[in-house]
Amino acid sequence: MEEHGISDKEAFMTHAIEFDTDGNNYLNNKELEEAAKSFTNQ
């Protein structure tokens, strides 16, 4: 989050859950990275 300038953890996690591509309710590094890129482009 810090690397991408994200300070609102709650909003980011709400957004990031949509990036759980394997559906295991766990966000791996790749999923988190994609979520962060998407979140900062809003």
PDB file of N, CA and C in Angstrom:
ATOM      1  N   MET A   1       0.830  -1.180   0.000  1.00  0.00           N
ATOM      2  CA  MET A   1       0.000   0.000   0.000  1.00  0.00           C
ATOM      3  C   MET A   1       0.876   1.244   0.000  1.00  0.00           C
ATOM      4  N   GLU A   2       1.875   1.245   0.856  1.00  0.00           N
ATOM      5  CA  GLU A   2       2.751   2.409   0.953  1.00  0.00           C
ATOM      6  C   GLU A   2       3.464   2.689  -0.371  1.00  0.00           C
ATOM      7  N   GLU A   3       3.900   1.629  -1.021  1.00  0.00           N
ATOM      8  CA  GLU A   3       4.605   1.763  -2.295  1.00  0.00           C
ATOM      9  C   GLU A   3       3.751   2.459  -3.348  1.00  0.00           C
ATOM     10  N   HIS A   4       2.438   2.290  -3.266  1.00  0.00           N
ATOM     11  CA  HIS A   4       1.514   2.876  -4.232  1.00  0.00           C
ATOM     12  C   HIS A   4       0.835   4.139  -3.702  1.00  0.00           C
ATOM     13  N   GLY A   5       1.240   4.596  -2.525  1.00  0.00           N
ATOM     14  CA  GLY A   5       0.675   5.822  -1.964  1.00  0.00           C
ATOM     15  C   GLY A   5      -0.745   5.659  -1.448  1.00  0.00           C
ATOM     16  N   ILE A   6      -1.098   4.451  -1.043  1.00  0.00           N
ATOM     17  CA  ILE A   6      -2.450   4.181  -0.542  1.00  0.00           C
ATOM     18  C   ILE A   6      -2.447   4.295   0.975  1.00  0.00           C
ATOM     19  N   SER A   7      -3.292   5.169   1.495  1.00  0.00           N
ATOM     20  CA  SER A   7      -3.340   5.359   2.948  1.00  0.00           C
ATOM     21  C   SER A   7      -4.659   4.895   3.569  1.00  0.00           C
ATOM     22  N   ASP A   8      -5.677   4.722   2.755  1.00  0.00           N
ATOM     23  CA  ASP A   8      -6.979   4.299   3.270  1.00  0.00           C
ATOM     24  C   ASP A   8      -7.096   2.778   3.158  1.00  0.00           C
ATOM     25  N   LYS A   9      -6.658   2.085   4.203  1.00  0.00           N
ATOM     26  CA  LYS A   9      -6.610   0.625   4.185  1.00  0.00           C
ATOM     27  C   LYS A   9      -7.994   0.010   3.983  1.00  0.00           C
ATOM     28  N   GLU A  10      -8.995   0.530   4.672  1.00  0.00           N
ATOM     29  CA  GLU A  10     -10.339  -0.025   4.581  1.00  0.00           C
ATOM     30  C   GLU A  10     -10.884   0.069   3.153  1.00  0.00           C
ATOM     31  N   ALA A  11     -10.747   1.231   2.536  1.00  0.00           N
ATOM     32  CA  ALA A  11     -11.231   1.409   1.160  1.00  0.00           C
ATOM     33  C   ALA A  11     -10.457   0.517   0.195  1.00  0.00           C
ATOM     34  N   PHE A  12      -9.155   0.415   0.415  1.00  0.00           N
ATOM     35  CA  PHE A  12      -8.355  -0.430  -0.471  1.00  0.00           C
ATOM     36  C   PHE A  12      -8.752  -1.896  -0.347  1.00  0.00           C
ATOM     37  N   MET A  13      -8.927  -2.383   0.865  1.00  0.00           N
ATOM     38  CA  MET A  13      -9.279  -3.792   1.048  1.00  0.00           C
ATOM     39  C   MET A  13     -10.661  -4.100   0.474  1.00  0.00           C
ATOM     40  N   THR A  14     -11.576  -3.156   0.584  1.00  0.00           N
ATOM     41  CA  THR A  14     -12.900  -3.335  -0.020  1.00  0.00           C
ATOM     42  C   THR A  14     -12.763  -3.463  -1.539  1.00  0.00           C
ATOM     43  N   HIS A  15     -11.891  -2.651  -2.121  1.00  0.00           N
ATOM     44  CA  HIS A  15     -11.631  -2.695  -3.565  1.00  0.00           C
ATOM     45  C   HIS A  15     -10.870  -3.968  -3.932  1.00  0.00           C
ATOM     46  N   ALA A  16      -9.889  -4.329  -3.140  1.00  0.00           N
ATOM     47  CA  ALA A  16      -8.984  -5.430  -3.469  1.00  0.00           C
ATOM     48  C   ALA A  16      -9.661  -6.787  -3.492  1.00  0.00           C
ATOM     49  N   ILE A  17     -10.699  -6.967  -2.715  1.00  0.00           N
ATOM     50  CA  ILE A  17     -11.372  -8.272  -2.659  1.00  0.00           C
ATOM     51  C   ILE A  17     -11.846  -8.720  -4.042  1.00  0.00           C
ATOM     52  N   GLU A  18     -12.110  -7.770  -4.920  1.00  0.00           N
ATOM     53  CA  GLU A  18     -12.528  -8.098  -6.285  1.00  0.00           C
ATOM     54  C   GLU A  18     -11.395  -8.712  -7.107  1.00  0.00           C
ATOM     55  N   PHE A  19     -10.176  -8.678  -6.596  1.00  0.00           N
ATOM     56  CA  PHE A  19      -9.009  -9.175  -7.331  1.00  0.00           C
ATOM     57  C   PHE A  19      -8.574 -10.558  -6.865  1.00  0.00           C
ATOM     58  N   ASP A  20      -9.393 -11.211  -6.057  1.00  0.00           N
ATOM     59  CA  ASP A  20      -9.123 -12.572  -5.611  1.00  0.00           C
ATOM     60  C   ASP A  20      -9.462 -13.526  -6.754  1.00  0.00           C
ATOM     61  N   THR A  21      -8.577 -13.593  -7.740  1.00  0.00           N
ATOM     62  CA  THR A  21      -8.868 -14.310  -8.983  1.00  0.00           C
ATOM     63  C   THR A  21      -8.986 -15.815  -8.810  1.00  0.00           C
ATOM     64  N   ASP A  22      -8.339 -16.386  -7.804  1.00  0.00           N
ATOM     65  CA  ASP A  22      -8.439 -17.828  -7.605  1.00  0.00           C
ATOM     66  C   ASP A  22      -9.543 -18.198  -6.622  1.00  0.00           C
ATOM     67  N   GLY A  23     -10.222 -17.188  -6.063  1.00  0.00           N
ATOM     68  CA  GLY A  23     -11.378 -17.418  -5.212  1.00  0.00           C
ATOM     69  C   GLY A  23     -11.107 -18.102  -3.889  1.00  0.00           C
ATOM     70  N   ASN A  24      -9.876 -17.981  -3.383  1.00  0.00           N
ATOM     71  CA  ASN A  24      -9.547 -18.661  -2.139  1.00  0.00           C
ATOM     72  C   ASN A  24      -9.647 -17.755  -0.903  1.00  0.00           C
ATOM     73  N   ASN A  25     -10.181 -16.555  -1.084  1.00  0.00           N
ATOM     74  CA  ASN A  25     -10.336 -15.571   0.014  1.00  0.00           C
ATOM     75  C   ASN A  25      -9.005 -15.172   0.633  1.00  0.00           C
ATOM     76  N   TYR A  26      -7.945 -15.276  -0.152  1.00  0.00           N
ATOM     77  CA  TYR A  26      -6.613 -14.850   0.261  1.00  0.00           C
ATOM     78  C   TYR A  26      -6.007 -14.097  -0.908  1.00  0.00           C
ATOM     79  N   LEU A  27      -5.506 -12.900  -0.642  1.00  0.00           N
ATOM     80  CA  LEU A  27      -4.912 -12.101  -1.712  1.00  0.00           C
ATOM     81  C   LEU A  27      -3.406 -12.323  -1.732  1.00  0.00           C
ATOM     82  N   ASN A  28      -2.919 -12.929  -2.818  1.00  0.00           N
ATOM     83  CA  ASN A  28      -1.481 -13.131  -2.941  1.00  0.00           C
ATOM     84  C   ASN A  28      -0.834 -11.850  -3.465  1.00  0.00           C
ATOM     85  N   ASN A  29       0.478 -11.861  -3.579  1.00  0.00           N
ATOM     86  CA  ASN A  29       1.201 -10.652  -4.004  1.00  0.00           C
ATOM     87  C   ASN A  29       0.736 -10.138  -5.360  1.00  0.00           C
ATOM     88  N   LYS A  30       0.531 -11.041  -6.313  1.00  0.00           N
ATOM     89  CA  LYS A  30       0.113 -10.617  -7.650  1.00  0.00           C
ATOM     90  C   LYS A  30      -1.270  -9.963  -7.605  1.00  0.00           C
ATOM     91  N   GLU A  31      -2.189 -10.565  -6.867  1.00  0.00           N
ATOM     92  CA  GLU A  31      -3.541 -10.014  -6.755  1.00  0.00           C
ATOM     93  C   GLU A  31      -3.510  -8.648  -6.066  1.00  0.00           C
ATOM     94  N   LEU A  32      -2.719  -8.536  -5.017  1.00  0.00           N
ATOM     95  CA  LEU A  32      -2.607  -7.246  -4.316  1.00  0.00           C
ATOM     96  C   LEU A  32      -1.990  -6.172  -5.209  1.00  0.00           C
ATOM     97  N   GLU A  33      -0.987  -6.551  -5.976  1.00  0.00           N
ATOM     98  CA  GLU A  33      -0.332  -5.603  -6.882  1.00  0.00           C
ATOM     99  C   GLU A  33      -1.323  -5.093  -7.929  1.00  0.00           C
ATOM    100  N   GLU A  34      -2.096  -5.989  -8.516  1.00  0.00           N
ATOM    101  CA  GLU A  34      -3.097  -5.593  -9.509  1.00  0.00           C
ATOM    102  C   GLU A  34      -4.172  -4.703  -8.878  1.00  0.00           C
ATOM    103  N   ALA A  35      -4.582  -5.039  -7.673  1.00  0.00           N
ATOM    104  CA  ALA A  35      -5.581  -4.229  -6.972  1.00  0.00           C
ATOM    105  C   ALA A  35      -5.037  -2.831  -6.693  1.00  0.00           C
ATOM    106  N   ALA A  36      -3.782  -2.745  -6.287  1.00  0.00           N
ATOM    107  CA  ALA A  36      -3.177  -1.441  -5.990  1.00  0.00           C
ATOM    108  C   ALA A  36      -3.071  -0.585  -7.246  1.00  0.00           C
ATOM    109  N   LYS A  37      -2.675  -1.196  -8.341  1.00  0.00           N
ATOM    110  CA  LYS A  37      -2.593  -0.454  -9.602  1.00  0.00           C
ATOM    111  C   LYS A  37      -3.969   0.076 -10.007  1.00  0.00           C
ATOM    112  N   SER A  38      -4.968  -0.754  -9.878  1.00  0.00           N
ATOM    113  CA  SER A  38      -6.329  -0.354 -10.219  1.00  0.00           C
ATOM    114  C   SER A  38      -6.836   0.727  -9.290  1.00  0.00           C
ATOM    115  N   PHE A  39      -6.584   0.573  -8.007  1.00  0.00           N
ATOM    116  CA  PHE A  39      -7.066   1.509  -6.997  1.00  0.00           C
ATOM    117  C   PHE A  39      -6.481   2.909  -7.211  1.00  0.00           C
ATOM    118  N   THR A  40      -5.207   2.979  -7.552  1.00  0.00           N
ATOM    119  CA  THR A  40      -4.559   4.277  -7.717  1.00  0.00           C
ATOM    120  C   THR A  40      -4.915   4.936  -9.046  1.00  0.00           C
ATOM    121  N   ASN A  41      -5.544   4.197  -9.944  1.00  0.00           N
ATOM    122  CA  ASN A  41      -5.984   4.762 -11.235  1.00  0.00           C
ATOM    123  C   ASN A  41      -7.427   5.209 -11.208  1.00  0.00           C
ATOM    124  N   GLN A  42      -8.086   5.147 -10.053  1.00  0.00           N
ATOM    125  CA  GLN A  42      -9.488   5.544  -9.966  1.00  0.00           C
ATOM    126  C   GLN A  42      -9.639   7.032 -10.133  1.00  0.00           C
TER     127      GLN A  42
END
